[in-house]
PDB file of N, CA and C in Angstrom:
ATOM      1  N   MET A   1      20.587 239.842  48.906  1.00  0.00           N
ATOM      2  CA  MET A   1      21.144 238.986  47.893  1.00  0.00           C
ATOM      3  C   MET A   1      21.872 237.841  48.595  1.00  0.00           C
ATOM      4  N   THR A   2      21.639 236.639  48.111  1.00  0.00           N
ATOM      5  CA  THR A   2      22.267 235.471  48.718  1.00  0.00           C
ATOM      6  C   THR A   2      23.084 234.722  47.677  1.00  0.00           C
ATOM      7  N   LEU A   3      23.970 233.864  48.162  1.00  0.00           N
ATOM      8  CA  LEU A   3      24.726 233.024  47.237  1.00  0.00           C
ATOM      9  C   LEU A   3      23.791 232.100  46.473  1.00  0.00           C
ATOM     10  N   ASP A   4      22.746 231.624  47.135  1.00  0.00           N
ATOM     11  CA  ASP A   4      21.779 230.776  46.437  1.00  0.00           C
ATOM     12  C   ASP A   4      21.147 231.529  45.274  1.00  0.00           C
ATOM     13  N   GLN A   5      20.771 232.779  45.496  1.00  0.00           N
ATOM     14  CA  GLN A   5      20.178 233.563  44.407  1.00  0.00           C
ATOM     15  C   GLN A   5      21.163 233.713  43.254  1.00  0.00           C
ATOM     16  N   LEU A   6      22.437 233.890  43.565  1.00  0.00           N
ATOM     17  CA  LEU A   6      23.439 233.982  42.504  1.00  0.00           C
ATOM     18  C   LEU A   6      23.559 232.656  41.760  1.00  0.00           C
ATOM     19  N   ARG A   7      23.481 231.553  42.482  1.00  0.00           N
ATOM     20  CA  ARG A   7      23.517 230.232  41.829  1.00  0.00           C
ATOM     21  C   ARG A   7      22.300 230.047  40.918  1.00  0.00           C
ATOM     22  N   TYR A   8      21.147 230.479  41.386  1.00  0.00           N
ATOM     23  CA  TYR A   8      19.932 230.369  40.582  1.00  0.00           C
ATOM     24  C   TYR A   8      20.049 231.222  39.323  1.00  0.00           C
ATOM     25  N   LEU A   9      20.600 232.404  39.477  1.00  0.00           N
ATOM     26  CA  LEU A   9      20.779 233.315  38.354  1.00  0.00           C
ATOM     27  C   LEU A   9      21.673 232.693  37.283  1.00  0.00           C
ATOM     28  N   VAL A  10      22.787 232.126  37.700  1.00  0.00           N
ATOM     29  CA  VAL A  10      23.718 231.496  36.765  1.00  0.00           C
ATOM     30  C   VAL A  10      23.066 230.284  36.104  1.00  0.00           C
ATOM     31  N   ALA A  11      22.356 229.483  36.873  1.00  0.00           N
ATOM     32  CA  ALA A  11      21.672 228.313  36.307  1.00  0.00           C
ATOM     33  C   ALA A  11      20.667 228.737  35.249  1.00  0.00           C
ATOM     34  N   LEU A  12      19.916 229.782  35.520  1.00  0.00           N
ATOM     35  CA  LEU A  12      18.929 230.267  34.557  1.00  0.00           C
ATOM     36  C   LEU A  12      19.610 230.754  33.289  1.00  0.00           C
ATOM     37  N   ALA A  13      20.701 231.463  33.432  1.00  0.00           N
ATOM     38  CA  ALA A  13      21.427 231.952  32.259  1.00  0.00           C
ATOM     39  C   ALA A  13      21.970 230.790  31.428  1.00  0.00           C
ATOM     40  N   GLU A  14      22.444 229.753  32.089  1.00  0.00           N
ATOM     41  CA  GLU A  14      23.019 228.611  31.379  1.00  0.00           C
ATOM     42  C   GLU A  14      21.958 227.719  30.758  1.00  0.00           C
ATOM     43  N   GLU A  15      20.845 227.554  31.427  1.00  0.00           N
ATOM     44  CA  GLU A  15      19.789 226.671  30.921  1.00  0.00           C
ATOM     45  C   GLU A  15      18.885 227.365  29.909  1.00  0.00           C
ATOM     46  N   GLY A  16      18.701 228.672  30.052  1.00  0.00           N
ATOM     47  CA  GLY A  16      17.856 229.412  29.114  1.00  0.00           C
ATOM     48  C   GLY A  16      16.372 229.175  29.291  1.00  0.00           C
ATOM     49  N   SER A  17      15.999 228.562  30.396  1.00  0.00           N
ATOM     50  CA  SER A  17      14.597 228.245  30.652  1.00  0.00           C
ATOM     51  C   SER A  17      14.387 228.176  32.159  1.00  0.00           C
ATOM     52  N   PHE A  18      13.300 228.787  32.622  1.00  0.00           N
ATOM     53  CA  PHE A  18      12.999 228.736  34.049  1.00  0.00           C
ATOM     54  C   PHE A  18      12.747 227.298  34.495  1.00  0.00           C
ATOM     55  N   THR A  19      12.059 226.525  33.663  1.00  0.00           N
ATOM     56  CA  THR A  19      11.739 225.141  34.019  1.00  0.00           C
ATOM     57  C   THR A  19      13.002 224.300  34.163  1.00  0.00           C
ATOM     58  N   LYS A  20      13.899 224.376  33.174  1.00  0.00           N
ATOM     59  CA  LYS A  20      15.140 223.589  33.219  1.00  0.00           C
ATOM     60  C   LYS A  20      16.046 224.046  34.355  1.00  0.00           C
ATOM     61  N   ALA A  21      16.132 225.356  34.547  1.00  0.00           N
ATOM     62  CA  ALA A  21      16.969 225.878  35.630  1.00  0.00           C
ATOM     63  C   ALA A  21      16.422 225.449  36.991  1.00  0.00           C
ATOM     64  N   ALA A  22      15.106 225.471  37.142  1.00  0.00           N
ATOM     65  CA  ALA A  22      14.488 225.054  38.405  1.00  0.00           C
ATOM     66  C   ALA A  22      14.809 223.591  38.701  1.00  0.00           C
ATOM     67  N   GLU A  23      14.732 222.746  37.686  1.00  0.00           N
ATOM     68  CA  GLU A  23      15.074 221.331  37.871  1.00  0.00           C
ATOM     69  C   GLU A  23      16.531 221.187  38.300  1.00  0.00           C
ATOM     70  N   ARG A  24      17.387 221.936  37.666  1.00  0.00           N
ATOM     71  CA  ARG A  24      18.828 221.861  37.947  1.00  0.00           C
ATOM     72  C   ARG A  24      19.160 222.248  39.388  1.00  0.00           C
ATOM     73  N   VAL A  25      18.461 223.239  39.925  1.00  0.00           N
ATOM     74  CA  VAL A  25      18.764 223.706  41.289  1.00  0.00           C
ATOM     75  C   VAL A  25      17.781 223.148  42.321  1.00  0.00           C
ATOM     76  N   TYR A  26      16.966 222.182  41.896  1.00  0.00           N
ATOM     77  CA  TYR A  26      16.039 221.479  42.786  1.00  0.00           C
ATOM     78  C   TYR A  26      15.009 222.400  43.433  1.00  0.00           C
ATOM     79  N   LEU A  27      14.447 223.292  42.624  1.00  0.00           N
ATOM     80  CA  LEU A  27      13.351 224.151  43.057  1.00  0.00           C
ATOM     81  C   LEU A  27      12.171 223.943  42.126  1.00  0.00           C
ATOM     82  N   THR A  28      11.013 224.389  42.558  1.00  0.00           N
ATOM     83  CA  THR A  28       9.890 224.449  41.629  1.00  0.00           C
ATOM     84  C   THR A  28      10.088 225.684  40.762  1.00  0.00           C
ATOM     85  N   GLN A  29       9.447 225.697  39.609  1.00  0.00           N
ATOM     86  CA  GLN A  29       9.577 226.846  38.710  1.00  0.00           C
ATOM     87  C   GLN A  29       9.071 228.132  39.364  1.00  0.00           C
ATOM     88  N   PRO A  30       7.925 228.102  40.053  1.00  0.00           N
ATOM     89  CA  PRO A  30       7.478 229.335  40.710  1.00  0.00           C
ATOM     90  C   PRO A  30       8.458 229.833  41.785  1.00  0.00           C
ATOM     91  N   ALA A  31       9.066 228.911  42.534  1.00  0.00           N
ATOM     92  CA  ALA A  31      10.026 229.316  43.568  1.00  0.00           C
ATOM     93  C   ALA A  31      11.252 229.975  42.941  1.00  0.00           C
ATOM     94  N   LEU A  32      11.725 229.421  41.830  1.00  0.00           N
ATOM     95  CA  LEU A  32      12.861 230.024  41.130  1.00  0.00           C
ATOM     96  C   LEU A  32      12.491 231.406  40.616  1.00  0.00           C
ATOM     97  N   SER A  33      11.329 231.512  40.033  1.00  0.00           N
ATOM     98  CA  SER A  33      10.866 232.791  39.504  1.00  0.00           C
ATOM     99  C   SER A  33      10.796 233.850  40.607  1.00  0.00           C
ATOM    100  N   ILE A  34      10.321 233.465  41.771  1.00  0.00           N
ATOM    101  CA  ILE A  34      10.238 234.391  42.907  1.00  0.00           C
ATOM    102  C   ILE A  34      11.634 234.855  43.323  1.00  0.00           C
ATOM    103  N   GLN A  35      12.574 233.925  43.392  1.00  0.00           N
ATOM    104  CA  GLN A  35      13.933 234.286  43.802  1.00  0.00           C
ATOM    105  C   GLN A  35      14.591 235.237  42.796  1.00  0.00           C
ATOM    106  N   ILE A  36      14.380 234.984  41.514  1.00  0.00           N
ATOM    107  CA  ILE A  36      14.943 235.870  40.485  1.00  0.00           C
ATOM    108  C   ILE A  36      14.277 237.239  40.571  1.00  0.00           C
ATOM    109  N   ARG A  37      12.971 237.261  40.767  1.00  0.00           N
ATOM    110  CA  ARG A  37      12.262 238.537  40.883  1.00  0.00           C
ATOM    111  C   ARG A  37      12.746 239.326  42.102  1.00  0.00           C
ATOM    112  N   ARG A  38      12.975 238.648  43.221  1.00  0.00           N
ATOM    113  CA  ARG A  38      13.485 239.328  44.422  1.00  0.00           C
ATOM    114  C   ARG A  38      14.874 239.925  44.164  1.00  0.00           C
ATOM    115  N   LEU A  39      15.694 239.175  43.453  1.00  0.00           N
ATOM    116  CA  LEU A  39      17.025 239.675  43.117  1.00  0.00           C
ATOM    117  C   LEU A  39      16.922 240.901  42.212  1.00  0.00           C
ATOM    118  N   GLU A  40      16.032 240.835  41.232  1.00  0.00           N
ATOM    119  CA  GLU A  40      15.818 241.977  40.342  1.00  0.00           C
ATOM    120  C   GLU A  40      15.331 243.194  41.129  1.00  0.00           C
ATOM    121  N   GLU A  41      14.428 242.979  42.054  1.00  0.00           N
ATOM    122  CA  GLU A  41      13.911 244.082  42.872  1.00  0.00           C
ATOM    123  C   GLU A  41      15.014 244.684  43.735  1.00  0.00           C
ATOM    124  N   GLU A  42      15.833 243.827  44.300  1.00  0.00           N
ATOM    125  CA  GLU A  42      16.921 244.318  45.147  1.00  0.00           C
ATOM    126  C   GLU A  42      17.935 245.131  44.342  1.00  0.00           C
ATOM    127  N   LEU A  43      18.232 244.662  43.134  1.00  0.00           N
ATOM    128  CA  LEU A  43      19.203 245.363  42.297  1.00  0.00           C
ATOM    129  C   LEU A  43      18.576 246.528  41.540  1.00  0.00           C
ATOM    130  N   GLY A  44      17.256 246.528  41.438  1.00  0.00           N
ATOM    131  CA  GLY A  44      16.566 247.609  40.748  1.00  0.00           C
ATOM    132  C   GLY A  44      16.704 247.557  39.244  1.00  0.00           C
ATOM    133  N   VAL A  45      16.870 246.363  38.711  1.00  0.00           N
ATOM    134  CA  VAL A  45      17.034 246.209  37.263  1.00  0.00           C
ATOM    135  C   VAL A  45      16.461 244.861  36.828  1.00  0.00           C
ATOM    136  N   ARG A  46      15.902 244.830  35.640  1.00  0.00           N
ATOM    137  CA  ARG A  46      15.375 243.584  35.080  1.00  0.00           C
ATOM    138  C   ARG A  46      16.555 242.772  34.552  1.00  0.00           C
ATOM    139  N   LEU A  47      16.679 241.536  34.982  1.00  0.00           N
ATOM    140  CA  LEU A  47      17.807 240.699  34.601  1.00  0.00           C
ATOM    141  C   LEU A  47      17.486 239.737  33.466  1.00  0.00           C
ATOM    142  N   PHE A  48      16.213 239.348  33.360  1.00  0.00           N
ATOM    143  CA  PHE A  48      15.824 238.371  32.343  1.00  0.00           C
ATOM    144  C   PHE A  48      14.569 238.797  31.616  1.00  0.00           C
ATOM    145  N   ASP A  49      14.542 238.489  30.340  1.00  0.00           N
ATOM    146  CA  ASP A  49      13.332 238.641  29.533  1.00  0.00           C
ATOM    147  C   ASP A  49      12.506 237.391  29.815  1.00  0.00           C
ATOM    148  N   ARG A  50      11.363 237.553  30.423  1.00  0.00           N
ATOM    149  CA  ARG A  50      10.555 236.408  30.857  1.00  0.00           C
ATOM    150  C   ARG A  50      10.046 235.572  29.676  1.00  0.00           C
ATOM    151  N   ARG A  51       9.763 236.189  28.574  1.00  0.00           N
ATOM    152  CA  ARG A  51       9.231 235.430  27.427  1.00  0.00           C
ATOM    153  C   ARG A  51      10.283 234.519  26.813  1.00  0.00           C
ATOM    154  N   GLU A  52      11.482 235.052  26.647  1.00  0.00           N
ATOM    155  CA  GLU A  52      12.535 234.293  25.978  1.00  0.00           C
ATOM    156  C   GLU A  52      13.438 233.537  26.952  1.00  0.00           C
ATOM    157  N   GLY A  53      13.404 233.928  28.219  1.00  0.00           N
ATOM    158  CA  GLY A  53      14.279 233.291  29.200  1.00  0.00           C
ATOM    159  C   GLY A  53      15.737 233.675  29.027  1.00  0.00           C
ATOM    160  N   LYS A  54      15.981 234.764  28.310  1.00  0.00           N
ATOM    161  CA  LYS A  54      17.349 235.207  28.062  1.00  0.00           C
ATOM    162  C   LYS A  54      17.664 236.418  28.934  1.00  0.00           C
ATOM    163  N   PRO A  55      18.938 236.534  29.336  1.00  0.00           N
ATOM    164  CA  PRO A  55      19.303 237.694  30.146  1.00  0.00           C
ATOM    165  C   PRO A  55      19.265 238.988  29.341  1.00  0.00           C
ATOM    166  N   THR A  56      18.912 240.060  30.007  1.00  0.00           N
ATOM    167  CA  THR A  56      18.974 241.386  29.399  1.00  0.00           C
ATOM    168  C   THR A  56      20.448 241.796  29.356  1.00  0.00           C
ATOM    169  N   GLU A  57      20.715 242.957  28.812  1.00  0.00           N
ATOM    170  CA  GLU A  57      22.103 243.442  28.786  1.00  0.00           C
ATOM    171  C   GLU A  57      22.651 243.559  30.209  1.00  0.00           C
ATOM    172  N   ALA A  58      21.869 244.160  31.088  1.00  0.00           N
ATOM    173  CA  ALA A  58      22.285 244.264  32.493  1.00  0.00           C
ATOM    174  C   ALA A  58      22.406 242.874  33.110  1.00  0.00           C
ATOM    175  N   GLY A  59      21.499 241.982  32.741  1.00  0.00           N
ATOM    176  CA  GLY A  59      21.524 240.622  33.256  1.00  0.00           C
ATOM    177  C   GLY A  59      22.802 239.892  32.889  1.00  0.00           C
ATOM    178  N   ARG A  60      23.273 240.089  31.657  1.00  0.00           N
ATOM    179  CA  ARG A  60      24.516 239.435  31.235  1.00  0.00           C
ATOM    180  C   ARG A  60      25.696 239.897  32.092  1.00  0.00           C
ATOM    181  N   ALA A  61      25.736 241.190  32.388  1.00  0.00           N
ATOM    182  CA  ALA A  61      26.822 241.716  33.225  1.00  0.00           C
ATOM    183  C   ALA A  61      26.731 241.163  34.645  1.00  0.00           C
ATOM    184  N   VAL A  62      25.522 241.101  35.183  1.00  0.00           N
ATOM    185  CA  VAL A  62      25.334 240.588  36.548  1.00  0.00           C
ATOM    186  C   VAL A  62      25.657 239.096  36.599  1.00  0.00           C
ATOM    187  N   VAL A  63      25.258 238.343  35.582  1.00  0.00           N
ATOM    188  CA  VAL A  63      25.558 236.909  35.531  1.00  0.00           C
ATOM    189  C   VAL A  63      27.070 236.693  35.501  1.00  0.00           C
ATOM    190  N   ALA A  64      27.775 237.468  34.696  1.00  0.00           N
ATOM    191  CA  ALA A  64      29.234 237.330  34.616  1.00  0.00           C
ATOM    192  C   ALA A  64      29.873 237.584  35.980  1.00  0.00           C
ATOM    193  N   GLN A  65      29.414 238.611  36.670  1.00  0.00           N
ATOM    194  CA  GLN A  65      29.958 238.916  37.995  1.00  0.00           C
ATOM    195  C   GLN A  65      29.560 237.839  39.003  1.00  0.00           C
ATOM    196  N   ALA A  66      28.345 237.332  38.900  1.00  0.00           N
ATOM    197  CA  ALA A  66      27.890 236.265  39.802  1.00  0.00           C
ATOM    198  C   ALA A  66      28.761 235.024  39.639  1.00  0.00           C
ATOM    199  N   ARG A  67      29.125 234.706  38.410  1.00  0.00           N
ATOM    200  CA  ARG A  67      30.011 233.551  38.176  1.00  0.00           C
ATOM    201  C   ARG A  67      31.347 233.752  38.886  1.00  0.00           C
ATOM    202  N   ARG A  68      31.897 234.961  38.774  1.00  0.00           N
ATOM    203  CA  ARG A  68      33.176 235.242  39.437  1.00  0.00           C
ATOM    204  C   ARG A  68      33.043 235.120  40.957  1.00  0.00           C
ATOM    205  N   VAL A  69      31.960 235.635  41.503  1.00  0.00           N
ATOM    206  CA  VAL A  69      31.737 235.545  42.951  1.00  0.00           C
ATOM    207  C   VAL A  69      31.648 234.081  43.375  1.00  0.00           C
ATOM    208  N   LEU A  70      30.896 233.279  42.634  1.00  0.00           N
ATOM    209  CA  LEU A  70      30.740 231.867  42.988  1.00  0.00           C
ATOM    210  C   LEU A  70      32.055 231.106  42.849  1.00  0.00           C
ATOM    211  N   GLU A  71      32.867 231.456  41.848  1.00  0.00           N
ATOM    212  CA  GLU A  71      34.188 230.834  41.709  1.00  0.00           C
ATOM    213  C   GLU A  71      35.064 231.171  42.913  1.00  0.00           C
ATOM    214  N   GLU A  72      35.011 232.417  43.354  1.00  0.00           N
ATOM    215  CA  GLU A  72      35.803 232.826  44.521  1.00  0.00           C
ATOM    216  C   GLU A  72      35.326 232.118  45.790  1.00  0.00           C
ATOM    217  N   VAL A  73      34.045 231.912  45.905  1.00  0.00           N
ATOM    218  CA  VAL A  73      33.511 231.182  47.059  1.00  0.00           C
ATOM    219  C   VAL A  73      34.057 229.754  47.060  1.00  0.00           C
ATOM    220  N   GLU A  74      34.096 229.121  45.893  1.00  0.00           N
ATOM    221  CA  GLU A  74      34.636 227.763  45.800  1.00  0.00           C
ATOM    222  C   GLU A  74      36.122 227.745  46.144  1.00  0.00           C
ATOM    223  N   ARG A  75      36.864 228.745  45.683  1.00  0.00           N
ATOM    224  CA  ARG A  75      38.288 228.835  46.030  1.00  0.00           C
ATOM    225  C   ARG A  75      38.468 229.002  47.538  1.00  0.00           C
ATOM    226  N   LEU A  76      37.608 229.799  48.127  1.00  0.00           N
ATOM    227  CA  LEU A  76      37.657 230.011  49.573  1.00  0.00           C
ATOM    228  C   LEU A  76      37.406 228.699  50.317  1.00  0.00           C
ATOM    229  N   LYS A  77      36.421 227.942  49.866  1.00  0.00           N
ATOM    230  CA  LYS A  77      36.135 226.643  50.493  1.00  0.00           C
ATOM    231  C   LYS A  77      37.326 225.700  50.351  1.00  0.00           C
ATOM    232  N   ALA A  78      37.918 225.655  49.152  1.00  0.00           N
ATOM    233  CA  ALA A  78      39.063 224.780  48.908  1.00  0.00           C
ATOM    234  C   ALA A  78      40.250 225.186  49.775  1.00  0.00           C
ATOM    235  N   LEU A  79      40.468 226.477  49.905  1.00  0.00           N
ATOM    236  CA  LEU A  79      41.556 226.975  50.743  1.00  0.00           C
ATOM    237  C   LEU A  79      41.342 226.565  52.194  1.00  0.00           C
ATOM    238  N   ALA A  80      40.156 226.751  52.683  1.00  0.00           N
ATOM    239  CA  ALA A  80      39.849 226.412  54.072  1.00  0.00           C
ATOM    240  C   ALA A  80      39.985 224.915  54.311  1.00  0.00           C
ATOM    241  N   GLN A  81      39.516 224.109  53.392  1.00  0.00           N
ATOM    242  CA  GLN A  81      39.588 222.661  53.558  1.00  0.00           C
ATOM    243  C   GLN A  81      41.016 222.162  53.406  1.00  0.00           C
ATOM    244  N   GLY A  82      41.775 222.802  52.520  1.00  0.00           N
ATOM    245  CA  GLY A  82      43.167 222.405  52.308  1.00  0.00           C
ATOM    246  C   GLY A  82      44.030 222.692  53.523  1.00  0.00           C
ATOM    247  N   GLU A  83      43.685 223.688  54.277  1.00  0.00           N
ATOM    248  CA  GLU A  83      44.427 224.058  55.486  1.00  0.00           C
ATOM    249  C   GLU A  83      43.729 223.549  56.739  1.00  0.00           C
ATOM    250  N   GLU A  84      42.795 222.635  56.567  1.00  0.00           N
ATOM    251  CA  GLU A  84      42.029 222.074  57.675  1.00  0.00           C
ATOM    252  C   GLU A  84      41.370 223.161  58.516  1.00  0.00           C
ATOM    253  N   GLY A  85      40.876 224.167  57.828  1.00  0.00           N
ATOM    254  CA  GLY A  85      40.136 225.215  58.509  1.00  0.00           C
ATOM    255  C   GLY A  85      40.978 226.304  59.142  1.00  0.00           C
ATOM    256  N   CYS A  86      42.303 226.228  59.035  1.00  0.00           N
ATOM    257  CA  CYS A  86      43.167 227.246  59.647  1.00  0.00           C
ATOM    258  C   CYS A  86      43.811 228.093  58.559  1.00  0.00           C
ATOM    259  N   PHE A  87      43.573 229.376  58.618  1.00  0.00           N
ATOM    260  CA  PHE A  87      44.189 230.299  57.677  1.00  0.00           C
ATOM    261  C   PHE A  87      45.510 230.777  58.253  1.00  0.00           C
ATOM    262  N   GLN A  88      46.515 230.883  57.388  1.00  0.00           N
ATOM    263  CA  GLN A  88      47.808 231.396  57.814  1.00  0.00           C
ATOM    264  C   GLN A  88      48.188 232.535  56.887  1.00  0.00           C
ATOM    265  N   GLY A  89      48.725 233.595  57.453  1.00  0.00           N
ATOM    266  CA  GLY A  89      49.147 234.734  56.651  1.00  0.00           C
ATOM    267  C   GLY A  89      47.983 235.631  56.308  1.00  0.00           C
ATOM    268  N   PRO A  90      48.255 236.633  55.482  1.00  0.00           N
ATOM    269  CA  PRO A  90      47.190 237.590  55.133  1.00  0.00           C
ATOM    270  C   PRO A  90      46.094 236.935  54.300  1.00  0.00           C
ATOM    271  N   PHE A  91      44.890 237.409  54.523  1.00  0.00           N
ATOM    272  CA  PHE A  91      43.733 236.888  53.791  1.00  0.00           C
ATOM    273  C   PHE A  91      42.925 238.076  53.299  1.00  0.00           C
ATOM    274  N   ARG A  92      42.810 238.200  51.995  1.00  0.00           N
ATOM    275  CA  ARG A  92      42.083 239.327  51.413  1.00  0.00           C
ATOM    276  C   ARG A  92      40.956 238.803  50.541  1.00  0.00           C
ATOM    277  N   VAL A  93      39.828 239.464  50.647  1.00  0.00           N
ATOM    278  CA  VAL A  93      38.669 239.114  49.839  1.00  0.00           C
ATOM    279  C   VAL A  93      38.277 240.351  49.058  1.00  0.00           C
ATOM    280  N   GLY A  94      38.125 240.197  47.757  1.00  0.00           N
ATOM    281  CA  GLY A  94      37.675 241.310  46.934  1.00  0.00           C
ATOM    282  C   GLY A  94      36.244 241.084  46.486  1.00  0.00           C
ATOM    283  N   VAL A  95      35.405 242.050  46.763  1.00  0.00           N
ATOM    284  CA  VAL A  95      33.997 241.976  46.384  1.00  0.00           C
ATOM    285  C   VAL A  95      33.571 243.363  45.930  1.00  0.00           C
ATOM    286  N   ILE A  96      32.774 243.412  44.876  1.00  0.00           N
ATOM    287  CA  ILE A  96      32.310 244.714  44.419  1.00  0.00           C
ATOM    288  C   ILE A  96      31.451 245.349  45.506  1.00  0.00           C
ATOM    289  N   PRO A  97      31.468 246.671  45.601  1.00  0.00           N
ATOM    290  CA  PRO A  97      30.778 247.360  46.698  1.00  0.00           C
ATOM    291  C   PRO A  97      29.295 247.033  46.826  1.00  0.00           C
ATOM    292  N   THR A  98      28.622 246.763  45.724  1.00  0.00           N
ATOM    293  CA  THR A  98      27.191 246.489  45.829  1.00  0.00           C
ATOM    294  C   THR A  98      26.903 245.132  46.448  1.00  0.00           C
ATOM    295  N   LEU A  99      27.842 244.193  46.359  1.00  0.00           N
ATOM    296  CA  LEU A  99      27.631 242.863  46.934  1.00  0.00           C
ATOM    297  C   LEU A  99      28.199 242.736  48.345  1.00  0.00           C
ATOM    298  N   ALA A 100      29.192 243.542  48.675  1.00  0.00           N
ATOM    299  CA  ALA A 100      29.900 243.395  49.946  1.00  0.00           C
ATOM    300  C   ALA A 100      28.987 243.363  51.169  1.00  0.00           C
ATOM    301  N   PRO A 101      28.000 244.263  51.304  1.00  0.00           N
ATOM    302  CA  PRO A 101      27.174 244.233  52.513  1.00  0.00           C
ATOM    303  C   PRO A 101      26.373 242.942  52.678  1.00  0.00           C
ATOM    304  N   TYR A 102      26.156 242.228  51.595  1.00  0.00           N
ATOM    305  CA  TYR A 102      25.336 241.021  51.658  1.00  0.00           C
ATOM    306  C   TYR A 102      26.176 239.756  51.790  1.00  0.00           C
ATOM    307  N   LEU A 103      27.421 239.811  51.325  1.00  0.00           N
ATOM    308  CA  LEU A 103      28.237 238.609  51.312  1.00  0.00           C
ATOM    309  C   LEU A 103      29.239 238.546  52.459  1.00  0.00           C
ATOM    310  N   LEU A 104      29.621 239.702  52.996  1.00  0.00           N
ATOM    311  CA  LEU A 104      30.629 239.721  54.049  1.00  0.00           C
ATOM    312  C   LEU A 104      30.004 240.151  55.368  1.00  0.00           C
ATOM    313  N   PRO A 105      30.348 239.469  56.459  1.00  0.00           N
ATOM    314  CA  PRO A 105      29.780 239.854  57.756  1.00  0.00           C
ATOM    315  C   PRO A 105      30.338 241.194  58.214  1.00  0.00           C
ATOM    316  N   HIS A 106      29.622 241.828  59.116  1.00  0.00           N
ATOM    317  CA  HIS A 106      30.058 243.127  59.661  1.00  0.00           C
ATOM    318  C   HIS A 106      31.138 242.927  60.685  1.00  0.00           C
TER     319      HIS A 106
END
């Protein structure tokens, strides 16, 4: 799972169409579809109804969590840039266990 895949997932949920979401994230529709399918395979759950372009129940939960992860990534970038790349004091990152191995280095 990558941050890009999470961005694609959120874009698809917001646009409601593979074509519109692909345009928004500067991918072709087939490339976006492949990335979403890979994410679904990795998570072992169907995230979107392909006919309607709407998230499934599980998809809605994953999209909500993906939004939170992406917001935290932006906060992390802002923090790093605000301190000119130097962190001071304790630094804690919270990530759900299923995402941690993919988002945090060993």
